[in-house]
């Protein structure tokens, strides 16, 4: 989520009620990059394991020997987060931004667009949210929930005539890459977990029988260089590879967010 820099003392969070979490198990395969899944096949849908509490660690001196003797492989990453070889429970959203409040408000239910090439007049609009469990070993997982809606267009940016619409379901996590913990103060009406920058690639099934992948890309406040913001997708052989940018700090589209659960 492309964010704002505001006074951290103004931050407050509002828990969303009615967020459903299922129970299931994840599985992992070999580590793959996002580009490996442009023409990926749909996996088997799964259910989400129980929510786990994320450990928040404070920085304090320790030695490599102490870590090894404890039998833990711990890696310090941006924002003071400590990885302990545990699966990561993550929520993703295409969000809606209200920039008129102080601090700005993050709501579920936003929209995001991506365009194809050859020709670039093809476009897709997506809504959506969901959860996944990323295995500690990296790679794929069937522990996913969620989905959203889609509309495809041709003749853009002129007429932009709709050519199809429907819903989609997430069937598998193909890849998750943590960037860093996000900064900034917001009224967060989406989730109460830590906000996270990074990217995820999800295998999806469209309601018209086609399949593809959805790339959720989040460069929020404090995000590292190189992370894009928005969504990319495939739908059968059509590749919507150009994520439309938010185009300004107050624009209410093309924004995404991750939360640790």
C-alpha atoms as a PDB file:
ATOM      1  CA  UNK A   1       0.000   0.000   0.000  1.00  0.00           C
ATOM      2  CA  UNK A   2       1.499   3.284  -1.056  1.00  0.00           C
ATOM      3  CA  UNK A   3       1.191   5.295   2.140  1.00  0.00           C
ATOM      4  CA  UNK A   4       1.531   8.641   3.871  1.00  0.00           C
ATOM      5  CA  UNK A   5       4.043   9.907   6.420  1.00  0.00           C
ATOM      6  CA  UNK A   6       2.095  11.140   9.430  1.00  0.00           C
ATOM      7  CA  UNK A   7       2.660  11.573  13.166  1.00  0.00           C
ATOM      8  CA  UNK A   8       2.866   8.128  14.724  1.00  0.00           C
ATOM      9  CA  UNK A   9       1.155   9.489  17.862  1.00  0.00           C
ATOM     10  CA  UNK A  10      -2.034   9.879  15.833  1.00  0.00           C
ATOM     11  CA  UNK A  11      -2.188   6.230  14.879  1.00  0.00           C
ATOM     12  CA  UNK A  12      -5.071   4.061  16.017  1.00  0.00           C
ATOM     13  CA  UNK A  13      -6.467   0.785  14.733  1.00  0.00           C
ATOM     14  CA  UNK A  14     -10.014  -0.534  14.506  1.00  0.00           C
ATOM     15  CA  UNK A  15     -10.545  -4.302  14.446  1.00  0.00           C
ATOM     16  CA  UNK A  16     -12.754  -5.550  11.631  1.00  0.00           C
ATOM     17  CA  UNK A  17     -15.457  -7.836  12.971  1.00  0.00           C
ATOM     18  CA  UNK A  18     -16.760 -10.789  11.039  1.00  0.00           C
ATOM     19  CA  UNK A  19     -13.388 -11.723   9.456  1.00  0.00           C
ATOM     20  CA  UNK A  20     -13.622 -15.492   8.924  1.00  0.00           C
ATOM     21  CA  UNK A  21     -10.615 -17.745   9.379  1.00  0.00           C
ATOM     22  CA  UNK A  22     -10.771 -21.471   8.549  1.00  0.00           C
ATOM     23  CA  UNK A  23      -8.674 -24.440   9.644  1.00  0.00           C
ATOM     24  CA  UNK A  24      -6.467 -26.590   7.440  1.00  0.00           C
ATOM     25  CA  UNK A  25      -2.876 -27.366   6.545  1.00  0.00           C
ATOM     26  CA  UNK A  26      -0.222 -25.983   4.260  1.00  0.00           C
ATOM     27  CA  UNK A  27       2.296 -27.700   2.088  1.00  0.00           C
ATOM     28  CA  UNK A  28       5.523 -26.500   0.528  1.00  0.00           C
ATOM     29  CA  UNK A  29       7.348 -27.149  -2.708  1.00  0.00           C
ATOM     30  CA  UNK A  30      10.564 -25.763  -4.146  1.00  0.00           C
ATOM     31  CA  UNK A  31      11.235 -22.022  -4.016  1.00  0.00           C
ATOM     32  CA  UNK A  32      10.121 -20.191  -7.163  1.00  0.00           C
ATOM     33  CA  UNK A  33      10.134 -16.628  -8.428  1.00  0.00           C
ATOM     34  CA  UNK A  34       7.101 -14.703  -9.638  1.00  0.00           C
ATOM     35  CA  UNK A  35       8.075 -15.110 -13.277  1.00  0.00           C
ATOM     36  CA  UNK A  36       7.844 -18.899 -12.958  1.00  0.00           C
ATOM     37  CA  UNK A  37       4.083 -18.678 -12.580  1.00  0.00           C
ATOM     38  CA  UNK A  38       2.984 -16.526 -15.549  1.00  0.00           C
ATOM     39  CA  UNK A  39       1.671 -19.647 -17.257  1.00  0.00           C
ATOM     40  CA  UNK A  40       1.144 -21.680 -14.050  1.00  0.00           C
ATOM     41  CA  UNK A  41      -1.555 -24.275 -13.578  1.00  0.00           C
ATOM     42  CA  UNK A  42      -4.244 -24.091 -10.902  1.00  0.00           C
ATOM     43  CA  UNK A  43      -3.485 -26.081  -7.739  1.00  0.00           C
ATOM     44  CA  UNK A  44      -5.858 -27.694  -5.277  1.00  0.00           C
ATOM     45  CA  UNK A  45      -7.762 -25.332  -2.992  1.00  0.00           C
ATOM     46  CA  UNK A  46      -7.077 -25.534   0.690  1.00  0.00           C
ATOM     47  CA  UNK A  47      -8.202 -24.155   3.995  1.00  0.00           C
ATOM     48  CA  UNK A  48      -6.480 -21.730   6.304  1.00  0.00           C
ATOM     49  CA  UNK A  49      -4.842 -22.990   9.481  1.00  0.00           C
ATOM     50  CA  UNK A  50      -5.686 -21.426  12.788  1.00  0.00           C
ATOM     51  CA  UNK A  51      -4.658 -17.860  13.392  1.00  0.00           C
ATOM     52  CA  UNK A  52      -1.460 -17.660  15.321  1.00  0.00           C
ATOM     53  CA  UNK A  53      -0.158 -14.811  17.369  1.00  0.00           C
ATOM     54  CA  UNK A  54       2.861 -13.133  15.807  1.00  0.00           C
ATOM     55  CA  UNK A  55       5.841 -12.681  18.065  1.00  0.00           C
ATOM     56  CA  UNK A  56       7.066  -9.139  18.361  1.00  0.00           C
ATOM     57  CA  UNK A  57      10.724  -9.088  19.327  1.00  0.00           C
ATOM     58  CA  UNK A  58      12.705  -6.279  20.835  1.00  0.00           C
ATOM     59  CA  UNK A  59      16.255  -5.788  19.674  1.00  0.00           C
ATOM     60  CA  UNK A  60      18.821  -6.877  22.188  1.00  0.00           C
ATOM     61  CA  UNK A  61      22.390  -8.160  21.851  1.00  0.00           C
ATOM     62  CA  UNK A  62      22.924 -11.859  21.301  1.00  0.00           C
ATOM     63  CA  UNK A  63      25.640 -14.099  19.910  1.00  0.00           C
ATOM     64  CA  UNK A  64      25.625 -16.530  17.032  1.00  0.00           C
ATOM     65  CA  UNK A  65      26.594 -19.269  19.441  1.00  0.00           C
ATOM     66  CA  UNK A  66      23.558 -18.600  21.585  1.00  0.00           C
ATOM     67  CA  UNK A  67      21.314 -18.960  18.580  1.00  0.00           C
ATOM     68  CA  UNK A  68      22.902 -22.220  17.511  1.00  0.00           C
ATOM     69  CA  UNK A  69      22.796 -23.667  21.007  1.00  0.00           C
ATOM     70  CA  UNK A  70      19.099 -22.864  21.161  1.00  0.00           C
ATOM     71  CA  UNK A  71      18.596 -24.803  17.951  1.00  0.00           C
ATOM     72  CA  UNK A  72      17.064 -21.820  16.138  1.00  0.00           C
ATOM     73  CA  UNK A  73      18.036 -20.221  12.879  1.00  0.00           C
ATOM     74  CA  UNK A  74      16.996 -16.605  13.443  1.00  0.00           C
ATOM     75  CA  UNK A  75      17.351 -13.835  10.888  1.00  0.00           C
ATOM     76  CA  UNK A  76      16.882 -10.198  11.733  1.00  0.00           C
ATOM     77  CA  UNK A  77      14.973  -8.367   9.010  1.00  0.00           C
ATOM     78  CA  UNK A  78      13.749  -4.798   8.533  1.00  0.00           C
ATOM     79  CA  UNK A  79      11.575  -3.268  11.213  1.00  0.00           C
ATOM     80  CA  UNK A  80      12.856  -5.515  14.006  1.00  0.00           C
ATOM     81  CA  UNK A  81      10.866  -8.578  12.857  1.00  0.00           C
ATOM     82  CA  UNK A  82      12.400 -11.923  13.846  1.00  0.00           C
ATOM     83  CA  UNK A  83      11.887 -15.026  11.710  1.00  0.00           C
ATOM     84  CA  UNK A  84      12.123 -18.281  13.659  1.00  0.00           C
ATOM     85  CA  UNK A  85      11.485 -20.881  10.989  1.00  0.00           C
ATOM     86  CA  UNK A  86       7.725 -20.641  11.463  1.00  0.00           C
ATOM     87  CA  UNK A  87       5.040 -20.353   8.803  1.00  0.00           C
ATOM     88  CA  UNK A  88       3.755 -16.829   8.182  1.00  0.00           C
ATOM     89  CA  UNK A  89       0.013 -16.187   8.339  1.00  0.00           C
ATOM     90  CA  UNK A  90      -0.784 -13.263   6.044  1.00  0.00           C
ATOM     91  CA  UNK A  91      -3.876 -11.356   4.978  1.00  0.00           C
ATOM     92  CA  UNK A  92      -3.922  -9.485   1.638  1.00  0.00           C
ATOM     93  CA  UNK A  93      -6.331  -6.808   0.430  1.00  0.00           C
ATOM     94  CA  UNK A  94      -6.943  -4.533  -2.517  1.00  0.00           C
ATOM     95  CA  UNK A  95      -7.796  -1.571  -0.334  1.00  0.00           C
ATOM     96  CA  UNK A  96      -9.798   1.630  -0.455  1.00  0.00           C
ATOM     97  CA  UNK A  97      -8.109   4.800   0.832  1.00  0.00           C
ATOM     98  CA  UNK A  98      -9.864   7.761   2.445  1.00  0.00           C
ATOM     99  CA  UNK A  99      -7.250  10.507   2.418  1.00  0.00           C
ATOM    100  CA  UNK A 100      -9.600  13.147   3.871  1.00  0.00           C
ATOM    101  CA  UNK A 101      -9.259  11.871   7.449  1.00  0.00           C
ATOM    102  CA  UNK A 102      -6.374  12.541   9.835  1.00  0.00           C
ATOM    103  CA  UNK A 103      -4.592  10.192   9.746  1.00  0.00           C
ATOM    104  CA  UNK A 104      -5.753   8.634   6.451  1.00  0.00           C
ATOM    105  CA  UNK A 105      -8.161   5.683   6.683  1.00  0.00           C
ATOM    106  CA  UNK A 106      -7.575   2.246   5.157  1.00  0.00           C
ATOM    107  CA  UNK A 107     -10.742   0.325   4.250  1.00  0.00           C
ATOM    108  CA  UNK A 108     -11.359  -3.020   2.509  1.00  0.00           C
ATOM    109  CA  UNK A 109     -13.138  -3.081  -0.829  1.00  0.00           C
ATOM    110  CA  UNK A 110     -10.858  -1.174  -3.212  1.00  0.00           C
ATOM    111  CA  UNK A 111     -10.191  -1.665  -6.929  1.00  0.00           C
ATOM    112  CA  UNK A 112      -6.998  -2.034  -8.945  1.00  0.00           C
ATOM    113  CA  UNK A 113      -6.192  -2.188 -12.656  1.00  0.00           C
ATOM    114  CA  UNK A 114      -3.505  -3.792 -14.808  1.00  0.00           C
ATOM    115  CA  UNK A 115      -2.910  -3.630 -18.550  1.00  0.00           C
ATOM    116  CA  UNK A 116      -1.655  -6.135 -21.085  1.00  0.00           C
ATOM    117  CA  UNK A 117       0.861  -5.605 -23.880  1.00  0.00           C
ATOM    118  CA  UNK A 118       0.518  -6.483 -27.536  1.00  0.00           C
ATOM    119  CA  UNK A 119      -1.895  -4.759 -27.454  1.00  0.00           C
ATOM    120  CA  UNK A 120      -1.856  -2.452 -24.455  1.00  0.00           C
ATOM    121  CA  UNK A 121      -5.540  -1.665 -25.066  1.00  0.00           C
ATOM    122  CA  UNK A 122      -6.489  -4.757 -23.009  1.00  0.00           C
ATOM    123  CA  UNK A 123      -7.119  -4.105 -19.307  1.00  0.00           C
ATOM    124  CA  UNK A 124      -8.412  -5.932 -16.238  1.00  0.00           C
ATOM    125  CA  UNK A 125     -10.065  -4.500 -13.100  1.00  0.00           C
ATOM    126  CA  UNK A 126      -9.843  -6.518  -9.883  1.00  0.00           C
ATOM    127  CA  UNK A 127     -11.211  -6.405  -6.363  1.00  0.00           C
ATOM    128  CA  UNK A 128     -10.340  -8.891  -3.677  1.00  0.00           C
ATOM    129  CA  UNK A 129      -8.977 -10.011  -0.340  1.00  0.00           C
ATOM    130  CA  UNK A 130      -7.951 -13.232   1.337  1.00  0.00           C
ATOM    131  CA  UNK A 131      -5.437 -15.029   3.498  1.00  0.00           C
ATOM    132  CA  UNK A 132      -2.625 -17.501   3.071  1.00  0.00           C
ATOM    133  CA  UNK A 133      -0.107 -19.427   5.111  1.00  0.00           C
ATOM    134  CA  UNK A 134       3.410 -19.205   3.703  1.00  0.00           C
ATOM    135  CA  UNK A 135       5.494 -22.273   4.664  1.00  0.00           C
ATOM    136  CA  UNK A 136       8.641 -21.699   6.678  1.00  0.00           C
ATOM    137  CA  UNK A 137      10.618 -23.443   3.947  1.00  0.00           C
ATOM    138  CA  UNK A 138       9.248 -21.106   1.280  1.00  0.00           C
ATOM    139  CA  UNK A 139       7.466 -22.167  -1.876  1.00  0.00           C
ATOM    140  CA  UNK A 140       3.847 -23.062  -2.472  1.00  0.00           C
ATOM    141  CA  UNK A 141       0.926 -23.689  -0.125  1.00  0.00           C
ATOM    142  CA  UNK A 142      -2.679 -24.797  -0.475  1.00  0.00           C
ATOM    143  CA  UNK A 143      -3.592 -23.047   2.805  1.00  0.00           C
ATOM    144  CA  UNK A 144      -5.427 -20.148   1.169  1.00  0.00           C
ATOM    145  CA  UNK A 145      -8.771 -18.379   1.328  1.00  0.00           C
ATOM    146  CA  UNK A 146     -10.366 -15.526  -0.554  1.00  0.00           C
ATOM    147  CA  UNK A 147     -10.981 -14.144  -3.983  1.00  0.00           C
ATOM    148  CA  UNK A 148     -12.775 -11.224  -5.568  1.00  0.00           C
ATOM    149  CA  UNK A 149     -14.298  -9.912  -8.783  1.00  0.00           C
ATOM    150  CA  UNK A 150     -12.910  -9.219 -12.251  1.00  0.00           C
ATOM    151  CA  UNK A 151     -13.849  -7.194 -15.321  1.00  0.00           C
ATOM    152  CA  UNK A 152     -11.885  -7.266 -18.593  1.00  0.00           C
ATOM    153  CA  UNK A 153     -11.830  -4.442 -21.145  1.00  0.00           C
ATOM    154  CA  UNK A 154     -10.649  -3.774 -24.693  1.00  0.00           C
ATOM    155  CA  UNK A 155     -10.139  -0.523 -26.565  1.00  0.00           C
ATOM    156  CA  UNK A 156      -8.475   1.237 -23.642  1.00  0.00           C
ATOM    157  CA  UNK A 157      -7.672   3.947 -22.803  1.00  0.00           C
ATOM    158  CA  UNK A 158     -10.368   5.334 -25.119  1.00  0.00           C
ATOM    159  CA  UNK A 159     -13.662   3.451 -25.117  1.00  0.00           C
ATOM    160  CA  UNK A 160     -12.550   0.761 -22.641  1.00  0.00           C
ATOM    161  CA  UNK A 161     -15.412  -1.578 -23.570  1.00  0.00           C
ATOM    162  CA  UNK A 162     -16.155  -4.410 -21.070  1.00  0.00           C
ATOM    163  CA  UNK A 163     -15.555  -7.853 -22.591  1.00  0.00           C
ATOM    164  CA  UNK A 164     -16.308 -10.063 -19.593  1.00  0.00           C
ATOM    165  CA  UNK A 165     -16.859 -10.077 -15.841  1.00  0.00           C
ATOM    166  CA  UNK A 166     -17.377 -12.381 -12.907  1.00  0.00           C
ATOM    167  CA  UNK A 167     -15.725 -13.653  -9.750  1.00  0.00           C
ATOM    168  CA  UNK A 168     -12.464 -15.454  -9.050  1.00  0.00           C
ATOM    169  CA  UNK A 169     -11.273 -17.764  -6.290  1.00  0.00           C
ATOM    170  CA  UNK A 170      -7.757 -18.145  -4.929  1.00  0.00           C
ATOM    171  CA  UNK A 171      -6.721 -21.793  -5.071  1.00  0.00           C
ATOM    172  CA  UNK A 172      -3.052 -21.787  -4.068  1.00  0.00           C
ATOM    173  CA  UNK A 173      -0.148 -19.651  -2.914  1.00  0.00           C
ATOM    174  CA  UNK A 174       2.610 -19.772  -5.516  1.00  0.00           C
ATOM    175  CA  UNK A 175       5.092 -17.382  -3.902  1.00  0.00           C
ATOM    176  CA  UNK A 176       5.394 -14.980  -0.963  1.00  0.00           C
ATOM    177  CA  UNK A 177       8.252 -12.524  -0.515  1.00  0.00           C
ATOM    178  CA  UNK A 178       8.405 -10.435   2.662  1.00  0.00           C
ATOM    179  CA  UNK A 179       9.892  -6.979   2.169  1.00  0.00           C
ATOM    180  CA  UNK A 180       9.715  -5.169   5.512  1.00  0.00           C
ATOM    181  CA  UNK A 181       7.269  -3.896   8.092  1.00  0.00           C
ATOM    182  CA  UNK A 182       5.389  -0.796   6.953  1.00  0.00           C
ATOM    183  CA  UNK A 183       5.613   2.519   8.775  1.00  0.00           C
ATOM    184  CA  UNK A 184       3.278   5.505   9.099  1.00  0.00           C
ATOM    185  CA  UNK A 185       0.077   6.229  11.020  1.00  0.00           C
ATOM    186  CA  UNK A 186      -3.326   5.177   9.696  1.00  0.00           C
ATOM    187  CA  UNK A 187      -6.834   4.413  10.848  1.00  0.00           C
ATOM    188  CA  UNK A 188      -6.779   0.766   9.849  1.00  0.00           C
ATOM    189  CA  UNK A 189     -10.256  -0.683   9.335  1.00  0.00           C
ATOM    190  CA  UNK A 190      -8.918  -3.802   7.610  1.00  0.00           C
ATOM    191  CA  UNK A 191      -7.026  -5.810  10.228  1.00  0.00           C
ATOM    192  CA  UNK A 192      -5.251  -5.396  13.557  1.00  0.00           C
ATOM    193  CA  UNK A 193      -2.001  -7.157  12.622  1.00  0.00           C
ATOM    194  CA  UNK A 194       1.259  -5.555  11.563  1.00  0.00           C
ATOM    195  CA  UNK A 195       1.186  -3.941   8.107  1.00  0.00           C
ATOM    196  CA  UNK A 196       3.705  -5.477   5.726  1.00  0.00           C
ATOM    197  CA  UNK A 197       5.385  -4.568   2.436  1.00  0.00           C
ATOM    198  CA  UNK A 198       6.173  -7.316  -0.063  1.00  0.00           C
ATOM    199  CA  UNK A 199       4.610  -9.332  -2.867  1.00  0.00           C
ATOM    200  CA  UNK A 200       2.569 -12.481  -3.263  1.00  0.00           C
ATOM    201  CA  UNK A 201       1.688 -14.598  -6.298  1.00  0.00           C
ATOM    202  CA  UNK A 202      -1.613 -16.478  -6.036  1.00  0.00           C
ATOM    203  CA  UNK A 203      -3.038 -19.080  -8.396  1.00  0.00           C
ATOM    204  CA  UNK A 204      -6.659 -18.236  -9.191  1.00  0.00           C
ATOM    205  CA  UNK A 205      -9.676 -19.763 -10.922  1.00  0.00           C
ATOM    206  CA  UNK A 206     -12.032 -17.437 -12.815  1.00  0.00           C
ATOM    207  CA  UNK A 207     -15.801 -17.980 -12.850  1.00  0.00           C
ATOM    208  CA  UNK A 208     -15.845 -18.397 -16.646  1.00  0.00           C
ATOM    209  CA  UNK A 209     -13.578 -21.441 -16.432  1.00  0.00           C
ATOM    210  CA  UNK A 210     -10.290 -19.731 -17.239  1.00  0.00           C
ATOM    211  CA  UNK A 211      -7.310 -19.890 -14.912  1.00  0.00           C
ATOM    212  CA  UNK A 212      -4.375 -17.649 -14.113  1.00  0.00           C
ATOM    213  CA  UNK A 213      -2.340 -15.987 -11.419  1.00  0.00           C
ATOM    214  CA  UNK A 214      -2.770 -12.818  -9.395  1.00  0.00           C
ATOM    215  CA  UNK A 215       0.234 -10.816  -8.263  1.00  0.00           C
ATOM    216  CA  UNK A 216      -0.411  -8.624  -5.214  1.00  0.00           C
ATOM    217  CA  UNK A 217       2.333  -5.998  -4.906  1.00  0.00           C
ATOM    218  CA  UNK A 218       2.590  -3.709  -1.888  1.00  0.00           C
ATOM    219  CA  UNK A 219       4.992  -0.795  -1.553  1.00  0.00           C
ATOM    220  CA  UNK A 220       3.513   0.933   1.496  1.00  0.00           C
ATOM    221  CA  UNK A 221       4.972   3.563   3.769  1.00  0.00           C
ATOM    222  CA  UNK A 222       8.631   2.780   4.361  1.00  0.00           C
ATOM    223  CA  UNK A 223       8.704   0.165   1.590  1.00  0.00           C
ATOM    224  CA  UNK A 224      12.034  -0.933   0.165  1.00  0.00           C
ATOM    225  CA  UNK A 225      13.174   0.145  -3.281  1.00  0.00           C
ATOM    226  CA  UNK A 226      12.134  -2.162  -6.086  1.00  0.00           C
ATOM    227  CA  UNK A 227       8.730  -3.206  -4.735  1.00  0.00           C
ATOM    228  CA  UNK A 228       5.892  -2.150  -7.036  1.00  0.00           C
ATOM    229  CA  UNK A 229       2.411  -1.112  -5.902  1.00  0.00           C
ATOM    230  CA  UNK A 230      -0.814  -2.563  -7.306  1.00  0.00           C
ATOM    231  CA  UNK A 231      -1.741  -5.805  -9.037  1.00  0.00           C
ATOM    232  CA  UNK A 232      -0.744  -7.848 -12.066  1.00  0.00           C
ATOM    233  CA  UNK A 233      -2.569 -10.903 -13.398  1.00  0.00           C
ATOM    234  CA  UNK A 234      -2.885 -13.530 -16.093  1.00  0.00           C
ATOM    235  CA  UNK A 235      -6.111 -14.933 -17.503  1.00  0.00           C
ATOM    236  CA  UNK A 236      -5.371 -17.960 -19.651  1.00  0.00           C
ATOM    237  CA  UNK A 237      -2.847 -16.687 -22.216  1.00  0.00           C
ATOM    238  CA  UNK A 238      -3.493 -12.950 -21.667  1.00  0.00           C
ATOM    239  CA  UNK A 239      -0.850 -11.356 -19.443  1.00  0.00           C
ATOM    240  CA  UNK A 240      -1.834  -8.155 -17.645  1.00  0.00           C
ATOM    241  CA  UNK A 241       1.719  -7.340 -16.665  1.00  0.00           C
ATOM    242  CA  UNK A 242       1.623  -3.559 -16.226  1.00  0.00           C
ATOM    243  CA  UNK A 243       0.289  -2.595 -12.805  1.00  0.00           C
ATOM    244  CA  UNK A 244      -1.523   0.736 -12.883  1.00  0.00           C
ATOM    245  CA  UNK A 245       0.006   3.129 -10.333  1.00  0.00           C
ATOM    246  CA  UNK A 246      -1.995   5.000  -7.675  1.00  0.00           C
ATOM    247  CA  UNK A 247      -1.100   8.334  -9.369  1.00  0.00           C
ATOM    248  CA  UNK A 248      -1.024  10.529  -6.284  1.00  0.00           C
ATOM    249  CA  UNK A 249      -1.283  10.291  -2.494  1.00  0.00           C
ATOM    250  CA  UNK A 250      -5.069  10.835  -2.441  1.00  0.00           C
ATOM    251  CA  UNK A 251      -6.113   8.589  -5.348  1.00  0.00           C
ATOM    252  CA  UNK A 252      -8.475   5.812  -4.224  1.00  0.00           C
ATOM    253  CA  UNK A 253      -7.438   2.952  -6.521  1.00  0.00           C
ATOM    254  CA  UNK A 254      -4.527   0.649  -7.327  1.00  0.00           C
ATOM    255  CA  UNK A 255      -3.530   0.172  -3.690  1.00  0.00           C
ATOM    256  CA  UNK A 256      -2.834  -3.066  -1.823  1.00  0.00           C
ATOM    257  CA  UNK A 257      -1.853  -4.095   1.685  1.00  0.00           C
ATOM    258  CA  UNK A 258      -0.627  -7.110   3.639  1.00  0.00           C
ATOM    259  CA  UNK A 259      -1.120  -7.765   7.355  1.00  0.00           C
ATOM    260  CA  UNK A 260       0.536 -10.395   9.535  1.00  0.00           C
ATOM    261  CA  UNK A 261      -2.154 -12.307  11.435  1.00  0.00           C
END
